[in-house]
Amino acid sequence: MKSEIRTFTRRELYELVWSKPLQKLAEEFGISDRGLAKICMRHRVPSPSRGYWARLAAGQKIKRPLYRELNDPSLDRIEIAATVSALPDETRDMLKKAKVERAERREKAAESDAAIQAGPVEKPHRAIAATARALLKGKPDASGVMSATGADMCGVIVHAERVERAVAFLHALATALEVDGLELQPDGPRMKVVVGSDQVTFTLAERSKREPHIPTDKERDLYERQQERRSRAQDRGNWNLYMSLPYEKPWPEYDTVYSGQFVFAIDGWAQGLRKT
């Protein structure tokens, strides 16, 4: 079977990629959506970002980037060969099967996301049971933070208000890994998955930042009373009392504010990689 070659100008391809999802257009061309995306990049044709069509279907108004002419004539002639349709039937069937499997994995991932948002987990996965107990039944520190980083723990650090969401996330992660024949293993300050002699480690924490502390009325009143007592002691020449009274402001300079955004970090020790 001969491959069909279609020729377009940059303008024609631009109009096409903004008329329908890239995946559908690629199917019509007989190529992969990744291949079509690479062609757009190579010829500097703006294409919709991921999620564009979903946001458009939801009623959002999204401006598409303007088409711009280029001075390079070589970029204006675009040839697309229908490589998929030119493949043997057996290979095309294999590609279709792989596509269906990818769609099923995306559906499972969506179900896991729904489980994370569903609320408290009644019976956490056995791999995270100790971590769940530590987070749900422990006491937060002075900043309201809960940690599960000891023996048989998964190395989780989140604010007390988000412990149920953290447990739901870990439960969904352990369950999804088990479906794929993998085991989530607690490892103290982290968690890991081991396959043969290789392992990948993970951590889960809540993103935080430091912000200048805004004194409360109670803190301001306390500070004013302290200064008044120091002033009276100084006026009376009572230097022992003056020196014993606190001079510093009774509030911290900064507060640690937790954002509610989880950071799931994956460490690849062999290559020195870290992804979040």
Protein backbone atom coordinates (compact mmCIF):
# COMPACT_ATOMS: atom_id res chain seq x y z
CA MET A 1 0.00 0.00 0.00
CA LYS A 2 1.41 3.36 -1.02
CA SER A 3 1.38 6.23 1.41
CA GLU A 4 -0.75 9.21 0.47
CA ILE A 5 1.03 12.57 0.52
CA ARG A 6 -0.96 15.71 1.18
CA THR A 7 0.43 19.19 0.67
CA PHE A 8 -0.61 22.26 2.64
CA THR A 9 0.48 25.83 3.16
CA ARG A 10 1.15 27.06 6.68
CA ARG A 11 -2.08 29.04 6.59
CA GLU A 12 -4.11 26.00 5.53
CA LEU A 13 -2.64 23.84 8.28
CA TYR A 14 -3.20 26.63 10.81
CA GLU A 15 -6.91 26.77 9.94
CA LEU A 16 -7.19 22.98 10.14
CA VAL A 17 -5.55 22.53 13.55
CA TRP A 18 -7.83 25.20 15.02
CA SER A 19 -10.95 23.65 13.49
CA LYS A 20 -10.90 20.33 15.34
CA PRO A 21 -8.83 18.45 17.98
CA LEU A 22 -5.34 17.49 16.88
CA GLN A 23 -6.01 13.82 17.55
CA LYS A 24 -9.01 13.73 15.18
CA LEU A 25 -7.16 15.65 12.49
CA ALA A 26 -4.18 13.31 12.79
CA GLU A 27 -6.47 10.31 12.33
CA GLU A 28 -7.80 11.83 9.12
CA PHE A 29 -4.23 12.30 7.91
CA GLY A 30 -3.28 8.76 8.91
CA ILE A 31 -0.53 9.86 11.29
CA SER A 32 -0.13 10.09 15.06
CA ASP A 33 -1.16 13.19 16.96
CA ARG A 34 2.41 13.52 18.23
CA GLY A 35 3.66 13.43 14.66
CA LEU A 36 1.23 16.16 13.66
CA ALA A 37 2.26 18.27 16.65
CA LYS A 38 5.91 17.96 15.60
CA ILE A 39 5.04 19.05 12.07
CA CYS A 40 3.31 22.14 13.47
CA MET A 41 6.35 22.96 15.58
CA ARG A 42 8.75 22.40 12.68
CA HIS A 43 6.81 24.78 10.44
CA ARG A 44 6.04 27.24 13.27
CA VAL A 45 2.28 26.78 13.03
CA PRO A 46 0.55 27.65 16.34
CA SER A 47 -1.61 24.77 17.60
CA PRO A 48 -4.06 24.46 20.53
CA SER A 49 -2.61 23.61 23.92
CA ARG A 50 -3.69 20.57 25.89
CA GLY A 51 -7.16 21.09 27.34
CA TYR A 52 -8.13 23.78 24.83
CA TRP A 53 -11.08 21.90 23.36
CA ALA A 54 -12.38 20.84 26.78
CA ARG A 55 -12.34 24.45 28.00
CA LEU A 56 -14.01 25.55 24.77
CA ALA A 57 -16.73 22.92 25.22
CA ALA A 58 -17.26 24.17 28.77
CA GLY A 59 -18.16 27.59 27.39
CA GLN A 60 -14.90 29.41 28.09
CA LYS A 61 -13.85 32.11 25.66
CA ILE A 62 -10.28 31.48 24.60
CA LYS A 63 -8.34 33.60 22.15
CA ARG A 64 -6.27 31.69 19.66
CA PRO A 65 -2.86 33.06 18.66
CA LEU A 66 -2.73 35.12 15.50
CA TYR A 67 -1.39 33.60 12.32
CA ARG A 68 1.87 35.26 11.28
CA GLU A 69 3.50 35.11 7.86
CA LEU A 70 7.17 34.11 7.73
CA ASN A 71 9.90 35.14 5.33
CA ASP A 72 11.19 31.58 4.94
CA PRO A 73 9.53 29.99 1.84
CA SER A 74 10.73 26.51 2.85
CA LEU A 75 8.42 26.60 5.86
CA ASP A 76 5.32 27.40 3.81
CA ARG A 77 5.18 24.07 1.97
CA ILE A 78 4.08 21.24 4.25
CA GLU A 79 3.91 17.64 3.10
CA ILE A 80 2.14 15.07 5.26
CA ALA A 81 2.46 11.39 4.40
CA ALA A 82 -0.24 9.09 5.77
CA THR A 83 2.29 6.74 7.33
CA VAL A 84 -0.19 4.87 9.50
CA SER A 85 -2.46 3.95 6.60
CA ALA A 86 0.60 2.77 4.70
CA LEU A 87 1.49 0.23 7.38
CA PRO A 88 0.58 -3.47 7.16
CA ASP A 89 -2.86 -4.38 8.54
CA GLU A 90 -1.31 -6.29 11.47
CA THR A 91 0.75 -3.27 12.53
CA ARG A 92 -2.20 -0.91 12.21
CA ASP A 93 -4.29 -3.25 14.37
CA MET A 94 -1.53 -3.23 16.97
CA LEU A 95 -1.46 0.58 16.98
CA LYS A 96 -5.23 0.72 17.37
CA LYS A 97 -5.04 -1.71 20.29
CA ALA A 98 -2.34 0.41 21.94
CA LYS A 99 -4.52 3.48 21.46
CA VAL A 100 -7.46 1.75 23.17
CA GLU A 101 -5.20 0.71 26.06
CA ARG A 102 -3.99 4.31 26.48
CA ALA A 103 -7.60 5.50 26.60
CA GLU A 104 -8.40 2.87 29.25
CA ARG A 105 -5.42 3.99 31.33
CA ARG A 106 -6.58 7.60 31.09
CA GLU A 107 -10.04 6.51 32.23
CA LYS A 108 -8.56 4.67 35.22
CA ALA A 109 -6.49 7.73 36.06
CA ALA A 110 -9.64 9.86 35.97
CA GLU A 111 -11.33 7.39 38.34
CA SER A 112 -8.35 7.66 40.69
CA ASP A 113 -8.62 11.46 40.60
CA ALA A 114 -12.31 11.17 41.49
CA ALA A 115 -11.42 8.88 44.38
CA ILE A 116 -8.96 11.45 45.70
CA GLN A 117 -11.68 14.11 45.71
CA ALA A 118 -14.35 11.77 47.15
CA GLY A 119 -13.53 12.45 50.80
CA PRO A 120 -12.37 10.31 53.76
CA VAL A 121 -11.11 6.79 53.04
CA GLU A 122 -12.85 4.30 55.31
CA LYS A 123 -10.23 1.56 54.96
CA PRO A 124 -6.84 2.79 53.71
CA HIS A 125 -4.67 0.47 51.64
CA ARG A 126 -2.50 -1.75 53.84
CA ALA A 127 0.69 -0.19 52.44
CA ILE A 128 -0.24 3.22 53.86
CA ALA A 129 -2.09 2.06 57.00
CA ALA A 130 0.59 3.27 59.46
CA THR A 131 0.90 6.59 57.64
CA ALA A 132 -2.88 7.07 57.70
CA ARG A 133 -3.01 6.42 61.46
CA ALA A 134 -0.20 8.88 62.11
CA LEU A 135 -1.84 11.61 60.04
CA LEU A 136 -5.43 11.11 61.18
CA LYS A 137 -4.81 10.47 64.89
CA GLY A 138 -1.61 12.40 65.58
CA LYS A 139 -1.23 15.93 66.90
CA PRO A 140 -0.03 18.81 64.71
CA ASP A 141 3.01 20.88 65.62
CA ALA A 142 2.90 24.58 66.48
CA SER A 143 2.48 25.45 62.79
CA GLY A 144 -0.42 23.04 62.35
CA VAL A 145 1.69 20.57 60.39
CA MET A 146 1.31 16.79 60.49
CA SER A 147 4.26 14.54 59.67
CA ALA A 148 4.44 10.83 58.98
CA THR A 149 8.14 10.19 58.50
CA GLY A 150 8.98 7.44 61.01
CA ALA A 151 9.35 3.68 60.64
CA ASP A 152 6.80 2.11 58.25
CA MET A 153 5.73 5.61 57.18
CA CYS A 154 5.57 7.13 53.69
CA GLY A 155 7.38 10.40 54.40
CA VAL A 156 4.37 12.73 54.24
CA ILE A 157 4.33 16.33 55.53
CA VAL A 158 1.07 18.27 55.17
CA HIS A 159 -1.07 20.73 57.10
CA ALA A 160 -3.59 19.22 59.51
CA GLU A 161 -6.46 20.54 57.40
CA ARG A 162 -5.34 18.41 54.46
CA VAL A 163 -4.61 15.03 56.09
CA GLU A 164 -7.75 13.35 54.74
CA ARG A 165 -6.89 14.44 51.20
CA ALA A 166 -3.33 13.18 51.64
CA VAL A 167 -4.59 9.78 52.84
CA ALA A 168 -7.01 9.61 49.89
CA PHE A 169 -4.16 10.41 47.48
CA LEU A 170 -1.87 7.74 48.95
CA HIS A 171 -4.69 5.19 48.98
CA ALA A 172 -5.41 5.85 45.28
CA LEU A 173 -1.68 5.67 44.46
CA ALA A 174 -1.15 2.36 46.28
CA THR A 175 -4.29 0.89 44.68
CA ALA A 176 -3.30 2.00 41.16
CA LEU A 177 0.20 0.55 41.56
CA GLU A 178 -1.24 -2.73 42.79
CA VAL A 179 -3.42 -2.96 39.66
CA ASP A 180 -0.21 -2.77 37.60
CA GLY A 181 1.44 -5.47 39.71
CA LEU A 182 3.58 -3.04 41.71
CA GLU A 183 3.82 -2.52 45.45
CA LEU A 184 4.07 0.81 47.24
CA GLN A 185 6.55 0.38 50.09
CA PRO A 186 6.83 2.80 53.05
CA ASP A 187 10.45 3.78 53.62
CA GLY A 188 10.49 6.20 56.57
CA PRO A 189 11.16 9.66 55.13
CA ARG A 190 9.88 8.54 51.73
CA MET A 191 8.06 5.74 49.88
CA LYS A 192 9.35 3.56 47.08
CA VAL A 193 8.54 1.05 44.35
CA VAL A 194 11.06 -1.72 43.73
CA VAL A 195 11.30 -3.68 40.47
CA GLY A 196 14.15 -6.17 40.44
CA SER A 197 17.36 -4.32 41.27
CA ASP A 198 15.84 -0.92 40.42
CA GLN A 199 13.82 1.35 42.65
CA VAL A 200 12.04 4.68 42.42
CA THR A 201 11.35 6.77 45.51
CA PHE A 202 8.60 9.32 46.14
CA THR A 203 7.75 11.99 48.68
CA LEU A 204 4.52 13.86 49.33
CA ALA A 205 4.51 17.30 50.93
CA GLU A 206 2.40 20.43 50.90
CA ARG A 207 3.83 23.53 49.29
CA SER A 208 4.44 26.37 51.73
CA LYS A 209 5.88 29.86 51.74
CA ARG A 210 7.00 32.47 54.26
CA GLU A 211 4.99 35.66 54.55
CA PRO A 212 5.48 38.67 56.85
CA HIS A 213 3.45 38.23 60.01
CA ILE A 214 0.54 40.63 60.49
CA PRO A 215 0.14 41.27 64.23
CA THR A 216 -3.26 40.64 65.76
CA ASP A 217 -4.99 43.20 67.99
CA LYS A 218 -4.17 41.03 70.99
CA GLU A 219 -0.48 40.94 70.08
CA ARG A 220 -0.40 44.72 69.56
CA ASP A 221 -2.09 45.34 72.93
CA LEU A 222 0.42 43.07 74.67
CA TYR A 223 3.34 44.87 73.03
CA GLU A 224 1.98 48.31 74.00
CA ARG A 225 1.56 47.20 77.63
CA GLN A 226 5.12 45.90 77.66
CA GLN A 227 6.47 49.20 76.35
CA GLU A 228 4.42 51.18 78.87
CA ARG A 229 5.83 49.11 81.75
CA ARG A 230 9.37 49.58 80.46
CA SER A 231 8.79 53.33 80.13
CA ARG A 232 7.48 53.61 83.72
CA ALA A 233 10.38 51.55 85.07
CA GLN A 234 12.83 53.82 83.22
CA ASP A 235 11.17 56.98 84.57
CA ARG A 236 11.44 55.64 88.12
CA GLY A 237 15.02 54.57 87.66
CA ASN A 238 14.08 50.96 88.38
CA TRP A 239 16.69 49.51 86.09
CA ASN A 240 16.36 45.95 87.36
CA LEU A 241 12.69 45.91 86.36
CA TYR A 242 13.45 47.76 83.13
CA MET A 243 16.04 45.18 82.07
CA SER A 244 13.82 42.24 83.04
CA LEU A 245 10.91 43.32 80.85
CA PRO A 246 10.91 41.95 77.27
CA TYR A 247 11.90 44.40 74.55
CA GLU A 248 11.21 42.22 71.52
CA LYS A 249 7.85 42.26 69.77
CA PRO A 250 5.70 39.33 70.96
CA TRP A 251 5.09 37.97 67.46
CA PRO A 252 7.21 36.24 64.83
CA GLU A 253 8.65 38.16 61.92
CA TYR A 254 7.32 35.62 59.41
CA ASP A 255 4.54 33.05 59.21
CA THR A 256 4.74 29.78 57.30
CA VAL A 257 1.64 29.62 55.12
CA TYR A 258 0.54 26.31 53.60
CA SER A 259 -1.05 26.60 50.17
CA GLY A 260 -3.14 23.43 49.97
CA GLN A 261 -1.12 22.40 46.89
CA PHE A 262 0.53 19.00 47.17
CA VAL A 263 4.00 18.36 45.77
CA PHE A 264 4.52 14.75 44.70
CA ALA A 265 8.23 14.39 44.01
CA ILE A 266 9.76 11.42 42.19
CA ASP A 267 13.46 10.75 42.74
CA GLY A 268 15.52 8.74 40.29
CA TRP A 269 18.63 8.00 42.30
CA ALA A 270 20.58 6.29 39.54
CA GLN A 271 20.39 9.26 37.19
CA GLY A 272 20.22 11.93 39.88
CA LEU A 273 16.80 13.01 38.63
CA ARG A 274 14.02 14.64 40.58
CA LYS A 275 10.61 15.44 39.13
CA THR A 276 7.53 16.97 40.73
